[in-house]
Protein backbone atom coordinates (compact mmCIF):
# COMPACT_ATOMS: atom_id res chain seq x y z
CA MET A 1 0.00 0.00 0.00
CA LEU A 2 2.89 2.38 0.70
CA ARG A 3 4.38 1.77 -2.73
CA ILE A 4 1.02 2.28 -4.45
CA SER A 5 0.03 5.36 -2.41
CA THR A 6 3.38 7.10 -2.94
CA LEU A 7 3.23 6.46 -6.67
CA ILE A 8 -0.36 7.73 -7.00
CA ILE A 9 0.34 10.87 -4.98
CA MET A 10 3.48 11.73 -6.97
CA LEU A 11 2.21 10.81 -10.44
CA PRO A 12 1.22 13.65 -12.78
CA VAL A 13 -2.53 14.22 -13.32
CA LEU A 14 -3.60 11.56 -10.77
CA GLY A 15 -1.61 13.24 -8.01
CA HIS A 16 -2.54 16.78 -9.03
CA GLN A 17 -3.70 19.04 -6.21
CA LEU A 18 -6.99 19.67 -8.00
CA VAL A 19 -7.87 15.96 -7.68
CA PRO A 20 -9.88 15.61 -4.42
CA THR A 21 -8.17 13.77 -1.58
CA GLN A 22 -11.14 11.41 -1.28
CA VAL A 23 -10.62 10.31 -4.90
CA LYS A 24 -6.93 9.65 -4.31
CA VAL A 25 -7.58 7.65 -1.13
CA GLY A 26 -10.31 5.63 -2.84
CA LEU A 27 -8.04 4.91 -5.81
CA ILE A 28 -5.18 3.86 -3.53
CA VAL A 29 -7.39 1.47 -1.54
CA LEU A 30 -8.96 0.05 -4.72
CA LEU A 31 -5.61 -0.57 -6.41
CA THR A 32 -4.19 -2.12 -3.23
CA VAL A 33 -7.09 -4.54 -2.97
CA LEU A 34 -6.90 -5.44 -6.68
CA ILE A 35 -3.10 -5.71 -6.98
CA PHE A 36 -2.30 -7.57 -3.74
CA PRO A 37 -3.67 -10.98 -4.88
CA LEU A 38 -1.56 -10.70 -8.04
CA VAL A 39 1.69 -10.04 -6.18
CA ALA A 40 1.05 -11.79 -2.86
CA ASP A 41 3.84 -14.31 -3.51
CA LYS A 42 6.31 -11.44 -4.05
CA VAL A 43 5.48 -9.72 -0.75
CA THR A 44 7.56 -11.08 2.12
CA ALA A 45 6.64 -10.87 5.79
CA ILE A 46 7.36 -7.39 7.16
CA PRO A 47 9.21 -7.34 10.54
CA LEU A 48 7.01 -6.00 13.33
CA LYS A 49 9.89 -4.34 15.16
CA PRO A 50 9.48 -0.53 14.90
CA VAL A 51 12.92 0.16 13.42
CA ALA A 52 12.74 -2.67 10.87
CA PHE A 53 9.19 -1.74 9.94
CA ALA A 54 10.12 1.94 9.47
CA ALA A 55 13.10 0.91 7.31
CA ALA A 56 10.85 -1.29 5.12
CA ALA A 57 8.30 1.54 4.82
CA LEU A 58 10.98 4.06 3.81
CA HIS A 59 12.33 1.53 1.32
CA GLU A 60 8.95 1.26 -0.43
CA ILE A 61 8.42 5.02 -0.46
CA LEU A 62 11.81 5.60 -2.10
CA VAL A 63 11.15 2.96 -4.78
CA ALA A 64 7.78 4.47 -5.69
CA ALA A 65 9.19 8.00 -5.63
CA ALA A 66 11.97 6.98 -8.03
CA MET A 67 9.39 5.47 -10.40
CA ALA A 68 7.18 8.57 -10.32
CA LEU A 69 10.21 10.79 -10.91
CA PHE A 70 10.51 9.48 -14.48
CA ALA A 71 7.01 10.80 -15.25
CA GLN A 72 7.56 14.07 -13.38
CA LEU A 73 10.73 14.74 -15.38
CA ILE A 74 8.76 14.69 -18.64
CA PHE A 75 6.37 17.32 -17.32
CA ALA A 76 9.34 19.29 -16.01
CA ALA A 77 10.80 19.20 -19.52
CA VAL A 78 7.55 20.51 -21.00
CA GLN A 79 7.39 23.26 -18.38
CA PHE A 80 11.03 24.20 -18.98
CA ALA A 81 10.40 24.32 -22.74
CA GLY A 82 7.48 26.67 -22.13
CA GLN A 83 9.72 28.91 -20.03
CA LEU A 84 12.33 29.00 -22.81
CA MET A 85 9.71 29.88 -25.42
CA SER A 86 8.21 32.59 -23.21
CA PHE A 87 11.62 34.11 -22.58
CA GLN A 88 12.40 34.16 -26.29
CA MET A 89 9.01 35.70 -27.10
CA GLY A 90 9.38 38.37 -24.42
CA MET A 91 6.39 37.11 -22.40
CA THR A 92 8.17 36.35 -19.15
CA VAL A 93 6.28 39.20 -17.47
CA ALA A 94 2.93 37.53 -18.27
CA ASN A 95 2.97 34.99 -15.44
CA VAL A 96 0.21 33.07 -13.69
CA PHE A 97 0.18 31.14 -10.43
CA ASP A 98 0.94 27.43 -10.74
CA PRO A 99 -0.85 25.45 -7.96
CA VAL A 100 1.52 22.48 -8.38
CA THR A 101 4.86 24.23 -7.88
CA HIS A 102 3.36 27.14 -5.86
CA SER A 103 5.27 29.60 -8.04
CA GLN A 104 4.70 31.99 -10.90
CA GLN A 105 4.92 30.34 -14.31
CA SER A 106 4.61 31.86 -17.78
CA VAL A 107 1.39 31.55 -19.76
CA ILE A 108 3.07 29.52 -22.51
CA SER A 109 4.52 27.15 -19.91
CA GLN A 110 1.08 26.60 -18.37
CA LEU A 111 -0.42 26.02 -21.81
CA ALA A 112 2.27 23.45 -22.66
CA VAL A 113 1.78 21.61 -19.35
CA THR A 114 -2.00 21.53 -19.86
CA LEU A 115 -1.52 20.05 -23.33
CA ALA A 116 0.89 17.49 -21.86
CA MET A 117 -1.77 16.49 -19.29
CA LEU A 118 -4.28 15.94 -22.10
CA LEU A 119 -1.73 13.82 -23.96
CA TRP A 120 -1.01 11.87 -20.76
CA ILE A 121 -4.68 10.88 -20.62
CA SER A 122 -5.13 10.35 -24.37
CA VAL A 123 -2.21 7.91 -24.69
CA GLY A 124 -3.31 6.08 -21.54
CA ALA A 125 -0.03 6.69 -19.75
CA HIS A 126 -1.70 6.28 -16.34
CA HIS A 127 -2.90 2.80 -17.35
CA ILE A 128 0.57 1.90 -18.62
CA PHE A 129 2.08 3.12 -15.35
CA ILE A 130 -0.28 1.01 -13.26
CA THR A 131 0.76 -2.02 -15.33
CA SER A 132 4.39 -1.12 -14.66
CA LEU A 133 3.53 -0.85 -10.96
CA ILE A 134 2.30 -4.45 -10.95
CA GLU A 135 5.44 -5.63 -12.75
CA SER A 136 7.61 -3.70 -10.31
CA PHE A 137 6.79 -6.18 -7.55
CA THR A 138 8.35 -8.91 -9.69
CA LEU A 139 11.39 -6.93 -10.83
CA PHE A 140 11.98 -5.29 -7.45
CA PRO A 141 10.24 -7.22 -4.62
CA VAL A 142 9.52 -5.78 -1.21
CA GLN A 143 12.69 -5.35 0.91
CA GLN A 144 14.94 -6.01 -2.09
CA PRO A 145 18.33 -4.33 -1.38
CA PHE A 146 19.26 -1.33 -3.50
CA TYR A 147 21.98 -1.60 -6.13
CA PHE A 148 23.12 2.01 -5.82
CA PRO A 149 25.02 2.38 -9.15
CA ALA A 150 21.63 1.97 -10.86
CA LEU A 151 20.58 5.34 -9.42
CA MET A 152 22.70 6.94 -12.16
CA ALA A 153 19.74 6.16 -14.43
CA LEU A 154 17.92 9.05 -12.75
CA THR A 155 20.75 11.36 -13.80
CA ASP A 156 20.42 10.12 -17.37
CA ALA A 157 16.67 10.75 -17.21
CA ALA A 158 17.31 14.33 -16.04
CA ALA A 159 19.70 14.84 -18.97
CA THR A 160 17.03 13.51 -21.32
CA MET A 161 14.63 16.06 -19.81
CA PHE A 162 16.81 18.96 -21.01
CA LEU A 163 17.12 17.35 -24.45
CA LEU A 164 13.33 17.01 -24.74
CA ALA A 165 12.86 20.62 -23.65
CA LEU A 166 15.29 21.83 -26.32
CA LYS A 167 13.57 19.75 -29.01
CA ILE A 168 10.18 21.25 -28.12
CA SER A 169 11.39 24.85 -27.96
CA ALA A 170 13.94 24.70 -30.81
CA PRO A 171 11.68 26.00 -33.65
CA ILE A 172 10.66 29.14 -31.73
CA MET A 173 14.15 29.77 -30.35
CA ILE A 174 15.81 29.50 -33.79
CA LEU A 175 13.18 31.58 -35.59
CA LEU A 176 13.07 34.37 -33.03
CA THR A 177 16.87 34.49 -32.80
CA LEU A 178 16.93 35.19 -36.54
CA VAL A 179 14.17 37.79 -36.07
CA TYR A 180 16.19 39.56 -33.34
CA VAL A 181 19.26 39.56 -35.60
CA ALA A 182 17.18 41.05 -38.44
CA LEU A 183 15.71 43.70 -36.14
CA GLY A 184 19.20 44.57 -34.89
CA LEU A 185 20.42 45.08 -38.44
CA LEU A 186 17.29 47.11 -39.21
CA SER A 187 17.85 49.39 -36.21
CA ARG A 188 21.41 50.05 -37.40
CA ALA A 189 20.29 50.73 -40.96
CA VAL A 190 17.26 52.89 -40.05
CA PRO A 191 17.78 54.38 -36.56
CA GLN A 192 14.47 56.28 -36.79
CA ILE A 193 12.49 53.05 -36.41
CA GLN A 194 11.50 52.28 -32.82
CA VAL A 195 12.58 48.64 -32.83
CA PHE A 196 11.39 47.98 -29.28
CA PHE A 197 7.77 48.83 -30.10
CA VAL A 198 7.95 46.87 -33.37
CA SER A 199 9.65 43.79 -31.92
CA PHE A 200 7.20 42.99 -29.12
CA PRO A 201 4.05 42.31 -31.18
CA LEU A 202 6.19 40.74 -33.92
CA THR A 203 7.95 38.24 -31.65
CA VAL A 204 4.78 37.35 -29.75
CA GLY A 205 2.79 36.87 -32.94
CA LEU A 206 5.49 34.83 -34.68
CA GLY A 207 6.09 32.78 -31.52
CA LEU A 208 2.42 31.84 -31.11
CA LEU A 209 2.12 31.12 -34.84
CA THR A 210 5.20 28.88 -34.78
CA PHE A 211 3.96 27.09 -31.67
CA SER A 212 0.61 26.38 -33.35
CA PHE A 213 2.28 25.15 -36.55
CA GLY A 214 4.68 23.02 -34.51
CA MET A 215 1.87 21.41 -32.51
CA PRO A 216 2.16 18.05 -34.39
CA ALA A 217 5.84 17.88 -33.44
CA PHE A 218 4.96 18.74 -29.82
CA VAL A 219 2.34 15.99 -29.74
CA TYR A 220 4.76 13.48 -31.27
CA LEU A 221 7.65 14.26 -28.91
CA VAL A 222 5.60 14.25 -25.71
CA SER A 223 3.50 11.21 -26.69
CA ASN A 224 6.67 9.30 -27.59
CA ALA A 225 8.19 10.23 -24.22
CA PHE A 226 5.09 8.94 -22.41
CA SER A 227 5.02 5.73 -24.45
CA THR A 228 8.68 4.86 -23.83
CA MET A 229 8.64 5.91 -20.16
CA PRO A 230 7.41 2.54 -18.71
CA THR A 231 10.24 0.74 -20.53
CA HIS A 232 12.80 3.00 -18.86
CA VAL A 233 11.09 2.56 -15.48
CA LEU A 234 11.15 -1.25 -15.67
CA LEU A 235 14.75 -1.23 -16.89
CA PHE A 236 15.66 1.04 -13.98
CA LEU A 237 14.00 -1.34 -11.48
CA ARG A 238 15.82 -4.29 -13.01
CA HIS A 239 19.16 -2.51 -12.63
CA LEU A 240 18.20 -1.32 -9.14
CA SER A 241 17.78 -4.91 -8.03
CA GLY A 242 21.23 -5.78 -9.45
CA GLN A 243 20.01 -7.84 -12.41
């Protein structure tokens, strides 16, 4: 139950703060009741001594948190890409409150994260993750010792996050860099033109237009990341158990 509850609370969409607590608790209890008969032979007897029990509980929480981190990193990549695009478009001052991170995020970043949530549901990533959760009890049973070198896979996943963010934001960053170069040359050639007043609506308009035209690429990149995520999670658990 600790492994399931930690994963549900930390997963994107399912663990979102806007999802009522009663729904989360009900889902955790339902999944625990349904999954336990399938993995009962993989669950060893938990020591009843307080210290041993606390160690086993912490062990399960860390395993589930590491699994959920793979999904959170994809959403972090989308959010980071939105921040890069907003910065390039000059819209960093147009921020809104993000209830997840409790911080101010740009409008483009919030839009990208919302689209990623819709893709998460449309590709059935939450169903795939629950399937991976069931398989995790086979690949990494309860109280299985950690193989610490496998934790480097989390570092690789973080590096992949930056790569995904750059792929998403690359069209807008390249186009608007060329626009800024052109405006710089124009301001040198015709100093009478107020480039600042011309650049703002131009960069915002071109940025939004490029983002809309690049939507198929955004959908492909994020959907592909969600589809391949369970494979990376299961491979990580296999390495974490020393296999």
